[in-house]
Protein backbone atom coordinates (compact mmCIF):
# COMPACT_ATOMS: atom_id res chain seq x y z
CA UNK A 1 -42.71 -15.61 -264.43
CA UNK A 2 -39.63 -17.16 -263.18
CA UNK A 3 -38.21 -13.69 -262.66
CA UNK A 4 -40.84 -12.48 -260.94
CA UNK A 5 -40.69 -15.55 -258.69
CA UNK A 6 -37.43 -15.23 -257.89
CA UNK A 7 -37.93 -11.63 -256.75
CA UNK A 8 -40.64 -12.73 -254.38
CA UNK A 9 -38.11 -15.21 -253.15
CA UNK A 10 -35.34 -12.83 -252.46
CA UNK A 11 -38.20 -10.19 -250.86
CA UNK A 12 -39.08 -12.61 -248.44
CA UNK A 13 -35.59 -13.92 -247.16
CA UNK A 14 -34.76 -10.63 -245.19
CA UNK A 15 -37.81 -10.55 -243.30
CA UNK A 16 -37.53 -14.06 -242.28
CA UNK A 17 -33.80 -13.26 -240.95
CA UNK A 18 -35.11 -10.22 -239.22
CA UNK A 19 -37.71 -12.14 -237.26
CA UNK A 20 -35.44 -14.76 -236.25
CA UNK A 21 -32.98 -12.06 -234.96
CA UNK A 22 -35.73 -10.23 -232.97
CA UNK A 23 -36.64 -13.35 -231.55
CA UNK A 24 -33.27 -14.44 -230.36
CA UNK A 25 -32.24 -10.92 -229.52
CA UNK A 26 -35.59 -11.07 -226.98
CA UNK A 27 -34.10 -14.51 -225.89
CA UNK A 28 -30.97 -13.75 -224.96
CA UNK A 29 -31.79 -10.38 -223.00
CA UNK A 30 -33.29 -11.91 -219.65
CA UNK A 31 -30.41 -14.52 -219.58
CA UNK A 32 -28.11 -11.57 -219.58
CA UNK A 33 -29.82 -10.01 -217.01
CA UNK A 34 -29.99 -12.98 -215.01
CA UNK A 35 -26.41 -13.87 -215.40
CA UNK A 36 -25.62 -10.50 -214.27
CA UNK A 37 -27.70 -10.73 -211.28
CA UNK A 38 -26.23 -13.95 -210.30
CA UNK A 39 -22.80 -12.72 -210.87
CA UNK A 40 -23.58 -9.51 -208.50
CA UNK A 41 -24.90 -11.70 -205.69
CA UNK A 42 -21.96 -13.93 -205.73
CA UNK A 43 -19.45 -11.12 -205.51
CA UNK A 44 -21.84 -9.50 -202.68
CA UNK A 45 -21.81 -12.80 -200.90
CA UNK A 46 -18.12 -13.49 -200.90
CA UNK A 47 -17.90 -9.36 -199.72
CA UNK A 48 -20.08 -10.20 -196.76
CA UNK A 49 -18.37 -13.59 -195.90
CA UNK A 50 -15.04 -11.62 -196.01
CA UNK A 51 -16.46 -8.68 -193.88
CA UNK A 52 -17.99 -11.18 -191.47
CA UNK A 53 -15.57 -13.91 -191.03
CA UNK A 54 -14.51 -14.44 -187.53
CA UNK A 55 -11.48 -12.84 -186.29
CA UNK A 56 -11.84 -10.23 -188.69
CA UNK A 57 -12.93 -6.58 -187.60
CA UNK A 58 -12.90 -7.18 -183.74
CA UNK A 59 -14.61 -4.66 -181.58
CA UNK A 60 -11.96 -1.89 -180.55
CA UNK A 61 -14.02 0.07 -177.76
CA UNK A 62 -16.43 -1.12 -175.66
CA UNK A 63 -18.35 1.77 -173.74
CA UNK A 64 -20.37 1.69 -170.34
CA UNK A 65 -22.73 4.20 -169.98
CA UNK A 66 -25.08 4.90 -167.15
CA UNK A 67 -25.42 4.67 -163.10
CA UNK A 68 -22.89 1.99 -162.58
CA UNK A 69 -22.71 2.95 -158.67
CA UNK A 70 -23.01 -0.10 -156.76
CA UNK A 71 -22.46 -2.60 -159.64
CA UNK A 72 -19.23 -4.80 -159.24
CA UNK A 73 -17.06 -3.30 -161.59
CA UNK A 74 -14.82 -6.56 -162.05
CA UNK A 75 -18.02 -8.34 -162.98
CA UNK A 76 -18.77 -5.84 -165.59
CA UNK A 77 -15.55 -6.04 -166.90
CA UNK A 78 -15.68 -10.15 -166.92
CA UNK A 79 -19.04 -10.13 -168.88
CA UNK A 80 -18.12 -8.28 -171.60
CA UNK A 81 -14.02 -9.28 -172.38
CA UNK A 82 -15.10 -12.06 -174.27
CA UNK A 83 -16.90 -10.07 -176.79
CA UNK A 84 -13.79 -7.70 -177.50
CA UNK A 85 -12.45 -10.41 -179.72
CA UNK A 86 -15.49 -11.13 -181.78
CA UNK A 87 -16.59 -9.60 -185.27
CA UNK A 88 -17.79 -5.98 -184.75
CA UNK A 89 -20.37 -6.44 -187.64
CA UNK A 90 -21.30 -10.13 -186.68
CA UNK A 91 -21.80 -9.78 -183.21
CA UNK A 92 -24.99 -10.86 -181.38
CA UNK A 93 -25.93 -7.66 -179.31
CA UNK A 94 -28.32 -9.68 -177.50
CA UNK A 95 -25.98 -12.27 -176.13
CA UNK A 96 -23.86 -9.06 -174.94
CA UNK A 97 -27.01 -7.76 -173.13
CA UNK A 98 -27.77 -11.15 -171.77
CA UNK A 99 -24.27 -11.57 -170.39
CA UNK A 100 -24.27 -8.23 -168.60
CA UNK A 101 -27.66 -8.56 -167.33
CA UNK A 102 -26.29 -11.53 -165.16
CA UNK A 103 -23.95 -9.15 -163.40
CA UNK A 104 -25.47 -8.43 -159.89
CA UNK A 105 -27.41 -5.00 -159.49
CA UNK A 106 -27.80 -4.61 -163.17
CA UNK A 107 -31.47 -3.78 -163.91
CA UNK A 108 -31.52 -3.55 -167.77
CA UNK A 109 -29.24 -3.17 -170.58
CA UNK A 110 -29.34 -1.85 -174.18
CA UNK A 111 -26.49 -2.52 -176.40
CA UNK A 112 -25.86 -0.58 -179.57
CA UNK A 113 -23.31 -0.55 -182.45
CA UNK A 114 -21.24 3.00 -183.02
CA UNK A 115 -19.19 2.91 -186.14
CA UNK A 116 -16.52 2.52 -186.82
CA UNK A 117 -16.03 -0.38 -184.01
CA UNK A 118 -17.42 0.60 -180.96
CA UNK A 119 -19.98 -0.94 -178.65
CA UNK A 120 -21.98 1.40 -176.26
CA UNK A 121 -23.66 -0.73 -173.44
CA UNK A 122 -25.76 1.33 -171.78
CA UNK A 123 -26.81 0.00 -168.16
CA UNK A 124 -29.74 0.67 -165.32
CA UNK A 125 -28.66 -0.09 -161.98
CA UNK A 126 -31.85 -2.58 -160.03
CA UNK A 127 -34.21 -0.38 -158.21
CA UNK A 128 -36.00 -1.79 -155.46
CA UNK A 129 -38.99 -1.34 -153.87
CA UNK A 130 -39.62 -3.98 -151.21
CA UNK A 131 -37.85 -7.18 -149.60
CA UNK A 132 -39.77 -10.67 -149.86
CA UNK A 133 -40.14 -12.00 -146.55
CA UNK A 134 -39.15 -15.43 -147.92
CA UNK A 135 -35.90 -13.99 -149.36
CA UNK A 136 -35.19 -11.86 -152.26
CA UNK A 137 -36.24 -8.62 -153.34
CA UNK A 138 -38.85 -6.88 -155.27
CA UNK A 139 -37.80 -4.25 -158.07
CA UNK A 140 -39.84 -1.40 -159.28
CA UNK A 141 -41.04 -3.29 -162.22
CA UNK A 142 -42.59 -5.86 -160.12
CA UNK A 143 -40.03 -8.82 -160.50
CA UNK A 144 -38.59 -11.02 -157.52
CA UNK A 145 -35.01 -10.68 -157.90
CA UNK A 146 -32.21 -12.11 -155.80
CA UNK A 147 -28.88 -9.85 -155.56
CA UNK A 148 -25.87 -10.16 -154.22
CA UNK A 149 -22.42 -8.17 -153.75
CA UNK A 150 -23.75 -4.81 -152.64
CA UNK A 151 -25.53 -3.71 -149.46
CA UNK A 152 -29.39 -3.24 -150.17
CA UNK A 153 -31.05 0.01 -149.46
CA UNK A 154 -32.46 0.46 -146.05
CA UNK A 155 -35.99 0.92 -144.60
CA UNK A 156 -37.86 -0.92 -147.36
CA UNK A 157 -41.40 -2.39 -146.53
CA UNK A 158 -41.36 -6.24 -146.43
CA UNK A 159 -43.85 -7.90 -148.78
CA UNK A 160 -45.32 -11.51 -148.07
CA UNK A 161 -47.80 -13.13 -150.51
CA UNK A 162 -48.45 -15.76 -153.00
CA UNK A 163 -45.59 -16.63 -155.74
CA UNK A 164 -46.48 -14.63 -158.91
CA UNK A 165 -48.13 -11.71 -157.30
CA UNK A 166 -45.30 -9.32 -156.70
CA UNK A 167 -46.63 -6.91 -159.61
CA UNK A 168 -50.02 -6.85 -158.32
CA UNK A 169 -48.42 -6.08 -154.87
CA UNK A 170 -46.22 -3.23 -155.95
CA UNK A 171 -49.48 -1.72 -157.60
CA UNK A 172 -51.38 -2.09 -154.28
CA UNK A 173 -48.76 -0.80 -152.14
CA UNK A 174 -48.51 2.31 -154.12
CA UNK A 175 -52.14 3.23 -153.97
CA UNK A 176 -52.30 2.32 -150.39
CA UNK A 177 -49.14 4.23 -149.59
CA UNK A 178 -50.95 7.43 -151.31
CA UNK A 179 -53.68 7.08 -149.04
CA UNK A 180 -51.80 6.79 -146.03
CA UNK A 181 -48.88 9.62 -146.53
CA UNK A 182 -51.09 12.70 -146.08
CA UNK A 183 -52.08 10.94 -142.35
CA UNK A 184 -48.40 10.89 -141.62
CA UNK A 185 -48.30 7.11 -141.94
CA UNK A 186 -45.59 4.70 -143.76
CA UNK A 187 -46.18 0.98 -144.80
CA UNK A 188 -43.57 -1.20 -142.97
CA UNK A 189 -45.39 -4.46 -144.04
CA UNK A 190 -47.70 -5.59 -146.81
CA UNK A 191 -49.21 -9.23 -146.96
CA UNK A 192 -51.89 -10.72 -149.17
CA UNK A 193 -53.31 -14.01 -148.38
CA UNK A 194 -54.39 -16.48 -150.80
CA UNK A 195 -58.07 -15.53 -150.21
CA UNK A 196 -56.97 -11.72 -151.30
CA UNK A 197 -57.15 -10.60 -148.03
CA UNK A 198 -54.58 -7.76 -147.24
CA UNK A 199 -52.92 -6.78 -144.13
CA UNK A 200 -50.90 -3.17 -143.77
CA UNK A 201 -48.29 -2.99 -141.03
CA UNK A 202 -48.24 0.56 -140.09
CA UNK A 203 -44.45 1.88 -139.11
CA UNK A 204 -45.04 2.23 -135.49
CA UNK A 205 -48.65 1.28 -135.65
CA UNK A 206 -51.36 -1.31 -136.08
CA UNK A 207 -52.11 -3.75 -138.69
CA UNK A 208 -54.99 -2.48 -141.03
CA UNK A 209 -56.91 -5.66 -142.32
CA UNK A 210 -58.51 -5.04 -145.82
CA UNK A 211 -60.58 -6.99 -147.98
CA UNK A 212 -61.44 -6.94 -151.66
CA UNK A 213 -62.48 -3.60 -151.87
CA UNK A 214 -59.64 -2.55 -150.13
CA UNK A 215 -58.63 0.61 -151.52
CA UNK A 216 -62.34 1.80 -150.23
CA UNK A 217 -61.82 0.19 -146.65
CA UNK A 218 -58.79 2.30 -146.36
CA UNK A 219 -60.37 5.40 -147.75
CA UNK A 220 -62.85 5.06 -144.81
CA UNK A 221 -60.20 4.68 -142.19
CA UNK A 222 -58.52 7.86 -143.34
CA UNK A 223 -61.87 9.79 -142.91
CA UNK A 224 -62.22 8.65 -139.26
CA UNK A 225 -58.25 8.79 -138.77
CA UNK A 226 -58.42 12.31 -137.21
CA UNK A 227 -60.79 10.76 -134.43
CA UNK A 228 -58.36 7.75 -133.51
CA UNK A 229 -55.07 9.09 -134.23
CA UNK A 230 -54.22 10.01 -130.33
CA UNK A 231 -55.01 5.91 -129.81
CA UNK A 232 -53.08 4.78 -132.87
CA UNK A 233 -49.87 3.72 -130.74
CA UNK A 234 -52.33 1.48 -128.56
CA UNK A 235 -53.95 -0.32 -131.07
CA UNK A 236 -52.67 -3.76 -132.23
CA UNK A 237 -55.12 -4.45 -135.45
CA UNK A 238 -57.98 -2.20 -137.20
CA UNK A 239 -59.94 -4.73 -139.21
CA UNK A 240 -61.82 -2.74 -141.61
CA UNK A 241 -63.75 -5.40 -143.72
CA UNK A 242 -66.92 -4.50 -142.00
CA UNK A 243 -69.71 -3.17 -144.15
CA UNK A 244 -70.61 -0.01 -141.84
CA UNK A 245 -67.65 0.25 -139.46
CA UNK A 246 -64.46 -1.33 -138.25
CA UNK A 247 -63.27 -3.35 -135.39
CA UNK A 248 -60.08 -2.28 -132.87
CA UNK A 249 -58.11 -4.76 -131.17
CA UNK A 250 -55.87 -3.07 -128.62
CA UNK A 251 -52.23 -4.01 -127.64
CA UNK A 252 -51.93 -6.02 -124.20
CA UNK A 253 -50.96 -2.93 -122.17
CA UNK A 254 -54.45 -1.38 -122.51
CA UNK A 255 -55.96 -4.63 -121.37
CA UNK A 256 -56.36 -6.40 -124.76
CA UNK A 257 -60.02 -4.44 -125.08
CA UNK A 258 -61.94 -5.00 -128.14
CA UNK A 259 -64.46 -2.60 -129.52
CA UNK A 260 -65.98 -1.75 -133.18
CA UNK A 261 -66.86 1.71 -134.09
CA UNK A 262 -69.48 2.98 -136.85
C-alpha cells in the first residue's frame, strides 16, 4: 500500500510542475511584448527627436511658382528667407503661406514639401474686379483688400455700399453686366443703399435705379432699350422701380424734363 501511495505521489508531481510552467509562461509573454513595444517606441521617439531637432536638415531650396508679374520680388524674398534656416521636416507650412500672403498683390498661396529638402510655393496674383469708393479694392472672391506697390488695372467699375456686402455686389455686378453687355452698355459705377436699392451708372449713359427685383427691372429695361437707345446720352436717370413702367430724368441740356413710359 505504501508503494502504491508513493507511486501516486510521484505521478502527480510532474503534472503540477507543467501547470505552473504554463501559467508562468503565459504571464511572461505579455510582459515581453510590452517591453519590446516600449523599447521600439523609445527608439522611434529618439529618432524623431534627432530628425526634427532645430538646425538639422534645413531647407535647401525654395521654388516660387505661378504668375509673379507685378508682385514685389524683394518682398517675396524677404518673406521666405527666414524659413531657409528651419528644419525641413518640422517646418510649419501654414506659417510660410501666411508670411507670403502678406506680400502686396499676392492673392492665394499653396506650400508643399518636395523631398529631399525643397519647398514649392505656388503663388496666385491678386485679381481685382472693382475699386471701392471709400478706399481699397474688391477682388474676384468678393473680399475687400488694400494693395500697395503696383499700379492697379484701369477702367474698373467703382463700387459703393455697406461694408460686408462686397461679395453680394460682385455677384449682382456679374448678373447686371451680363444683361447690359448685349446692349453695348458697360457698368461704370455700382451702388447699393442700406435699403437694398441698386444704382447702376452706365458708362457715358444714365444711372439706372433698381429695386429689390433688380434683375427683373433690368430685363424690362433691356426689352425697351431699342426704342430709347438714340436718346440714351441725354438721360440723367432711369428709375425702373415702377410696377408697370419706368421714369426718365433728362440732363439739364434738354430742359430737365421728366417723363414716364409704360
